[in-house]
Amino acid sequence: DINAGIPNEIIMSSENSTAKRSPSFLSTWAKGRELTLIYYISGDMTSHSPQREFPLKGRTYTLLSKKVQNENGNSGKFGRESKSTIKLVYIATKGSGLQEWNLQKELEKIADFRALTPQKAVARLELFLTPCLSDCVWDR
């Protein structure tokens, strides 16, 4: 189970975050609820199944998306080494200081994900992570 391991990178946000990163639709829509975990992985992906939900610091986080990226590394002793990462994006759905969210219902306010093919749904979720203008606003 991948969440039992220690992530290589953790990106937490808050509504008042002053982090110097480009805003995305996700950060505008989720308003500080997102949590991104990045792990280095090796071997078969069947051994890397993330938890659908987990508690952390008084909040419950629900998996929104996972993305595996394969990168060719430098030439090593035995040829080209590759490094793979898995990026897990979670949304805080309930907990301290939050109005409780049903993630599926919140997503359906944006798009009819049930009507989409799995490939289209993945593509739509990928758009959540693309940078947007710094003055973009999501109005519920």
Protein backbone atom coordinates (compact mmCIF):
# COMPACT_ATOMS: atom_id res chain seq x y z
CA ASP A 1 0.00 0.00 0.00
CA ILE A 2 1.58 3.23 -1.16
CA ASN A 3 0.23 5.49 1.60
CA ALA A 4 1.94 3.34 4.22
CA GLY A 5 5.24 4.63 2.85
CA ILE A 6 6.77 8.04 3.32
CA PRO A 7 6.10 10.41 0.41
CA ASN A 8 9.04 12.10 -1.27
CA GLU A 9 7.14 15.36 -1.60
CA ILE A 10 4.03 16.72 0.15
CA ILE A 11 2.23 19.79 -1.13
CA MET A 12 -0.48 21.06 1.19
CA SER A 13 -2.48 24.15 0.53
CA SER A 14 -4.60 26.44 2.58
CA GLU A 15 -7.04 29.10 1.57
CA ASN A 16 -4.62 31.72 2.88
CA SER A 17 -1.54 30.11 1.34
CA THR A 18 1.14 32.49 0.08
CA ALA A 19 3.02 29.80 -1.80
CA LYS A 20 4.63 31.04 -5.01
CA ARG A 21 3.05 28.64 -7.45
CA SER A 22 0.80 29.24 -10.39
CA PRO A 23 -2.84 28.86 -9.47
CA SER A 24 -4.72 26.01 -11.09
CA PHE A 25 -8.41 25.40 -11.50
CA LEU A 26 -8.06 22.83 -8.71
CA SER A 27 -6.56 25.30 -6.23
CA THR A 28 -9.23 27.87 -7.09
CA TRP A 29 -12.08 25.34 -6.91
CA ALA A 30 -10.90 23.47 -3.80
CA LYS A 31 -9.99 26.64 -1.87
CA GLY A 32 -7.22 25.16 0.25
CA ARG A 33 -8.58 21.63 0.52
CA GLU A 34 -6.06 19.95 -1.78
CA LEU A 35 -3.20 17.72 -0.66
CA THR A 36 -0.69 16.37 -3.18
CA LEU A 37 1.59 13.44 -2.35
CA ILE A 38 4.41 12.42 -4.70
CA TYR A 39 6.18 9.07 -4.32
CA TYR A 40 9.12 7.56 -6.20
CA ILE A 41 8.08 4.11 -7.31
CA SER A 42 9.64 1.05 -8.85
CA GLY A 43 8.38 -2.26 -10.13
CA ASP A 44 4.91 -3.30 -11.07
CA MET A 45 2.11 -0.77 -10.49
CA THR A 46 -0.11 -3.44 -8.90
CA SER A 47 1.86 -3.00 -5.69
CA HIS A 48 1.12 0.75 -5.67
CA SER A 49 -2.56 1.14 -4.86
CA PRO A 50 -3.33 4.35 -2.97
CA GLN A 51 -5.87 4.64 -0.19
CA ARG A 52 -9.21 6.07 -1.27
CA GLU A 53 -9.54 8.01 2.01
CA PHE A 54 -7.41 8.67 5.06
CA PRO A 55 -7.42 10.97 8.10
CA LEU A 56 -4.74 13.61 8.64
CA LYS A 57 -4.65 16.45 11.18
CA GLY A 58 -8.37 16.33 11.93
CA ARG A 59 -9.49 16.13 8.30
CA THR A 60 -10.55 13.29 6.02
CA TYR A 61 -8.87 13.31 2.60
CA THR A 62 -10.48 11.60 -0.40
CA LEU A 63 -8.54 10.61 -3.52
CA LEU A 64 -9.31 12.81 -6.52
CA SER A 65 -6.68 11.59 -8.98
CA LYS A 66 -3.49 9.62 -9.42
CA LYS A 67 -0.97 10.03 -12.18
CA VAL A 68 2.07 7.92 -12.92
CA GLN A 69 4.95 9.65 -14.69
CA ASN A 70 7.89 7.79 -16.15
CA GLU A 71 11.05 9.79 -16.69
CA ASN A 72 14.24 8.57 -18.29
CA GLY A 73 17.11 9.22 -15.98
CA ASN A 74 20.83 9.54 -16.56
CA SER A 75 22.83 6.73 -18.02
CA GLY A 76 23.81 4.42 -15.22
CA LYS A 77 26.15 1.52 -14.75
CA PHE A 78 23.68 -0.84 -16.42
CA GLY A 79 22.32 1.46 -19.13
CA ARG A 80 19.62 4.10 -18.91
CA GLU A 81 17.94 4.26 -15.54
CA SER A 82 14.35 5.33 -15.37
CA LYS A 83 12.62 6.98 -12.45
CA SER A 84 8.89 6.79 -12.01
CA THR A 85 6.73 8.85 -9.71
CA ILE A 86 3.12 8.61 -8.72
CA LYS A 87 1.30 11.83 -7.94
CA LEU A 88 -1.76 11.50 -5.73
CA VAL A 89 -4.13 14.43 -5.37
CA TYR A 90 -6.52 14.33 -2.43
CA ILE A 91 -9.30 16.69 -1.39
CA ALA A 92 -10.27 17.31 2.24
CA THR A 93 -13.94 16.34 2.33
CA LYS A 94 -14.65 16.81 6.03
CA GLY A 95 -13.01 17.83 9.23
CA SER A 96 -11.90 20.73 11.31
CA GLY A 97 -13.12 24.07 9.95
CA LEU A 98 -14.65 22.62 6.78
CA GLN A 99 -18.13 22.35 5.40
CA GLU A 100 -18.51 18.65 4.55
CA TRP A 101 -18.25 17.80 0.84
CA ASN A 102 -19.49 14.83 -1.11
CA LEU A 103 -16.67 14.82 -3.68
CA GLN A 104 -18.76 13.17 -6.38
CA LYS A 105 -21.53 15.78 -6.04
CA GLU A 106 -19.02 18.63 -6.05
CA LEU A 107 -17.44 17.28 -9.24
CA GLU A 108 -20.86 16.93 -10.87
CA LYS A 109 -21.40 20.67 -10.38
CA ILE A 110 -18.55 21.14 -12.87
CA ALA A 111 -19.16 18.35 -15.38
CA ASP A 112 -21.37 15.31 -15.86
CA PHE A 113 -18.54 12.85 -15.18
CA ARG A 114 -20.95 9.89 -15.20
CA ALA A 115 -21.73 10.52 -18.87
CA LEU A 116 -18.04 10.59 -19.84
CA THR A 117 -15.93 7.66 -20.93
CA PRO A 118 -13.15 6.85 -18.43
CA GLN A 119 -10.57 8.39 -20.81
CA LYS A 120 -12.56 11.65 -21.07
CA ALA A 121 -13.02 11.80 -17.30
CA VAL A 122 -9.26 11.41 -16.82
CA ALA A 123 -8.63 14.19 -19.34
CA ARG A 124 -11.07 16.51 -17.55
CA LEU A 125 -9.42 15.84 -14.20
CA GLU A 126 -6.02 16.52 -15.78
CA LEU A 127 -7.29 19.98 -16.75
CA PHE A 128 -7.87 20.69 -13.05
CA LEU A 129 -4.11 20.78 -12.56
CA THR A 130 -3.25 23.08 -15.45
CA PRO A 131 -2.28 26.65 -14.56
CA CYS A 132 -4.91 29.36 -14.89
CA LEU A 133 -4.79 33.13 -14.78
CA SER A 134 -3.91 34.47 -11.35
CA ASP A 135 -7.23 36.29 -11.16
CA CYS A 136 -9.44 33.31 -12.03
CA VAL A 137 -12.44 32.82 -9.78
CA TRP A 138 -14.70 29.81 -9.22
CA ASP A 139 -18.18 30.72 -8.08
CA ARG A 140 -20.26 27.91 -6.64
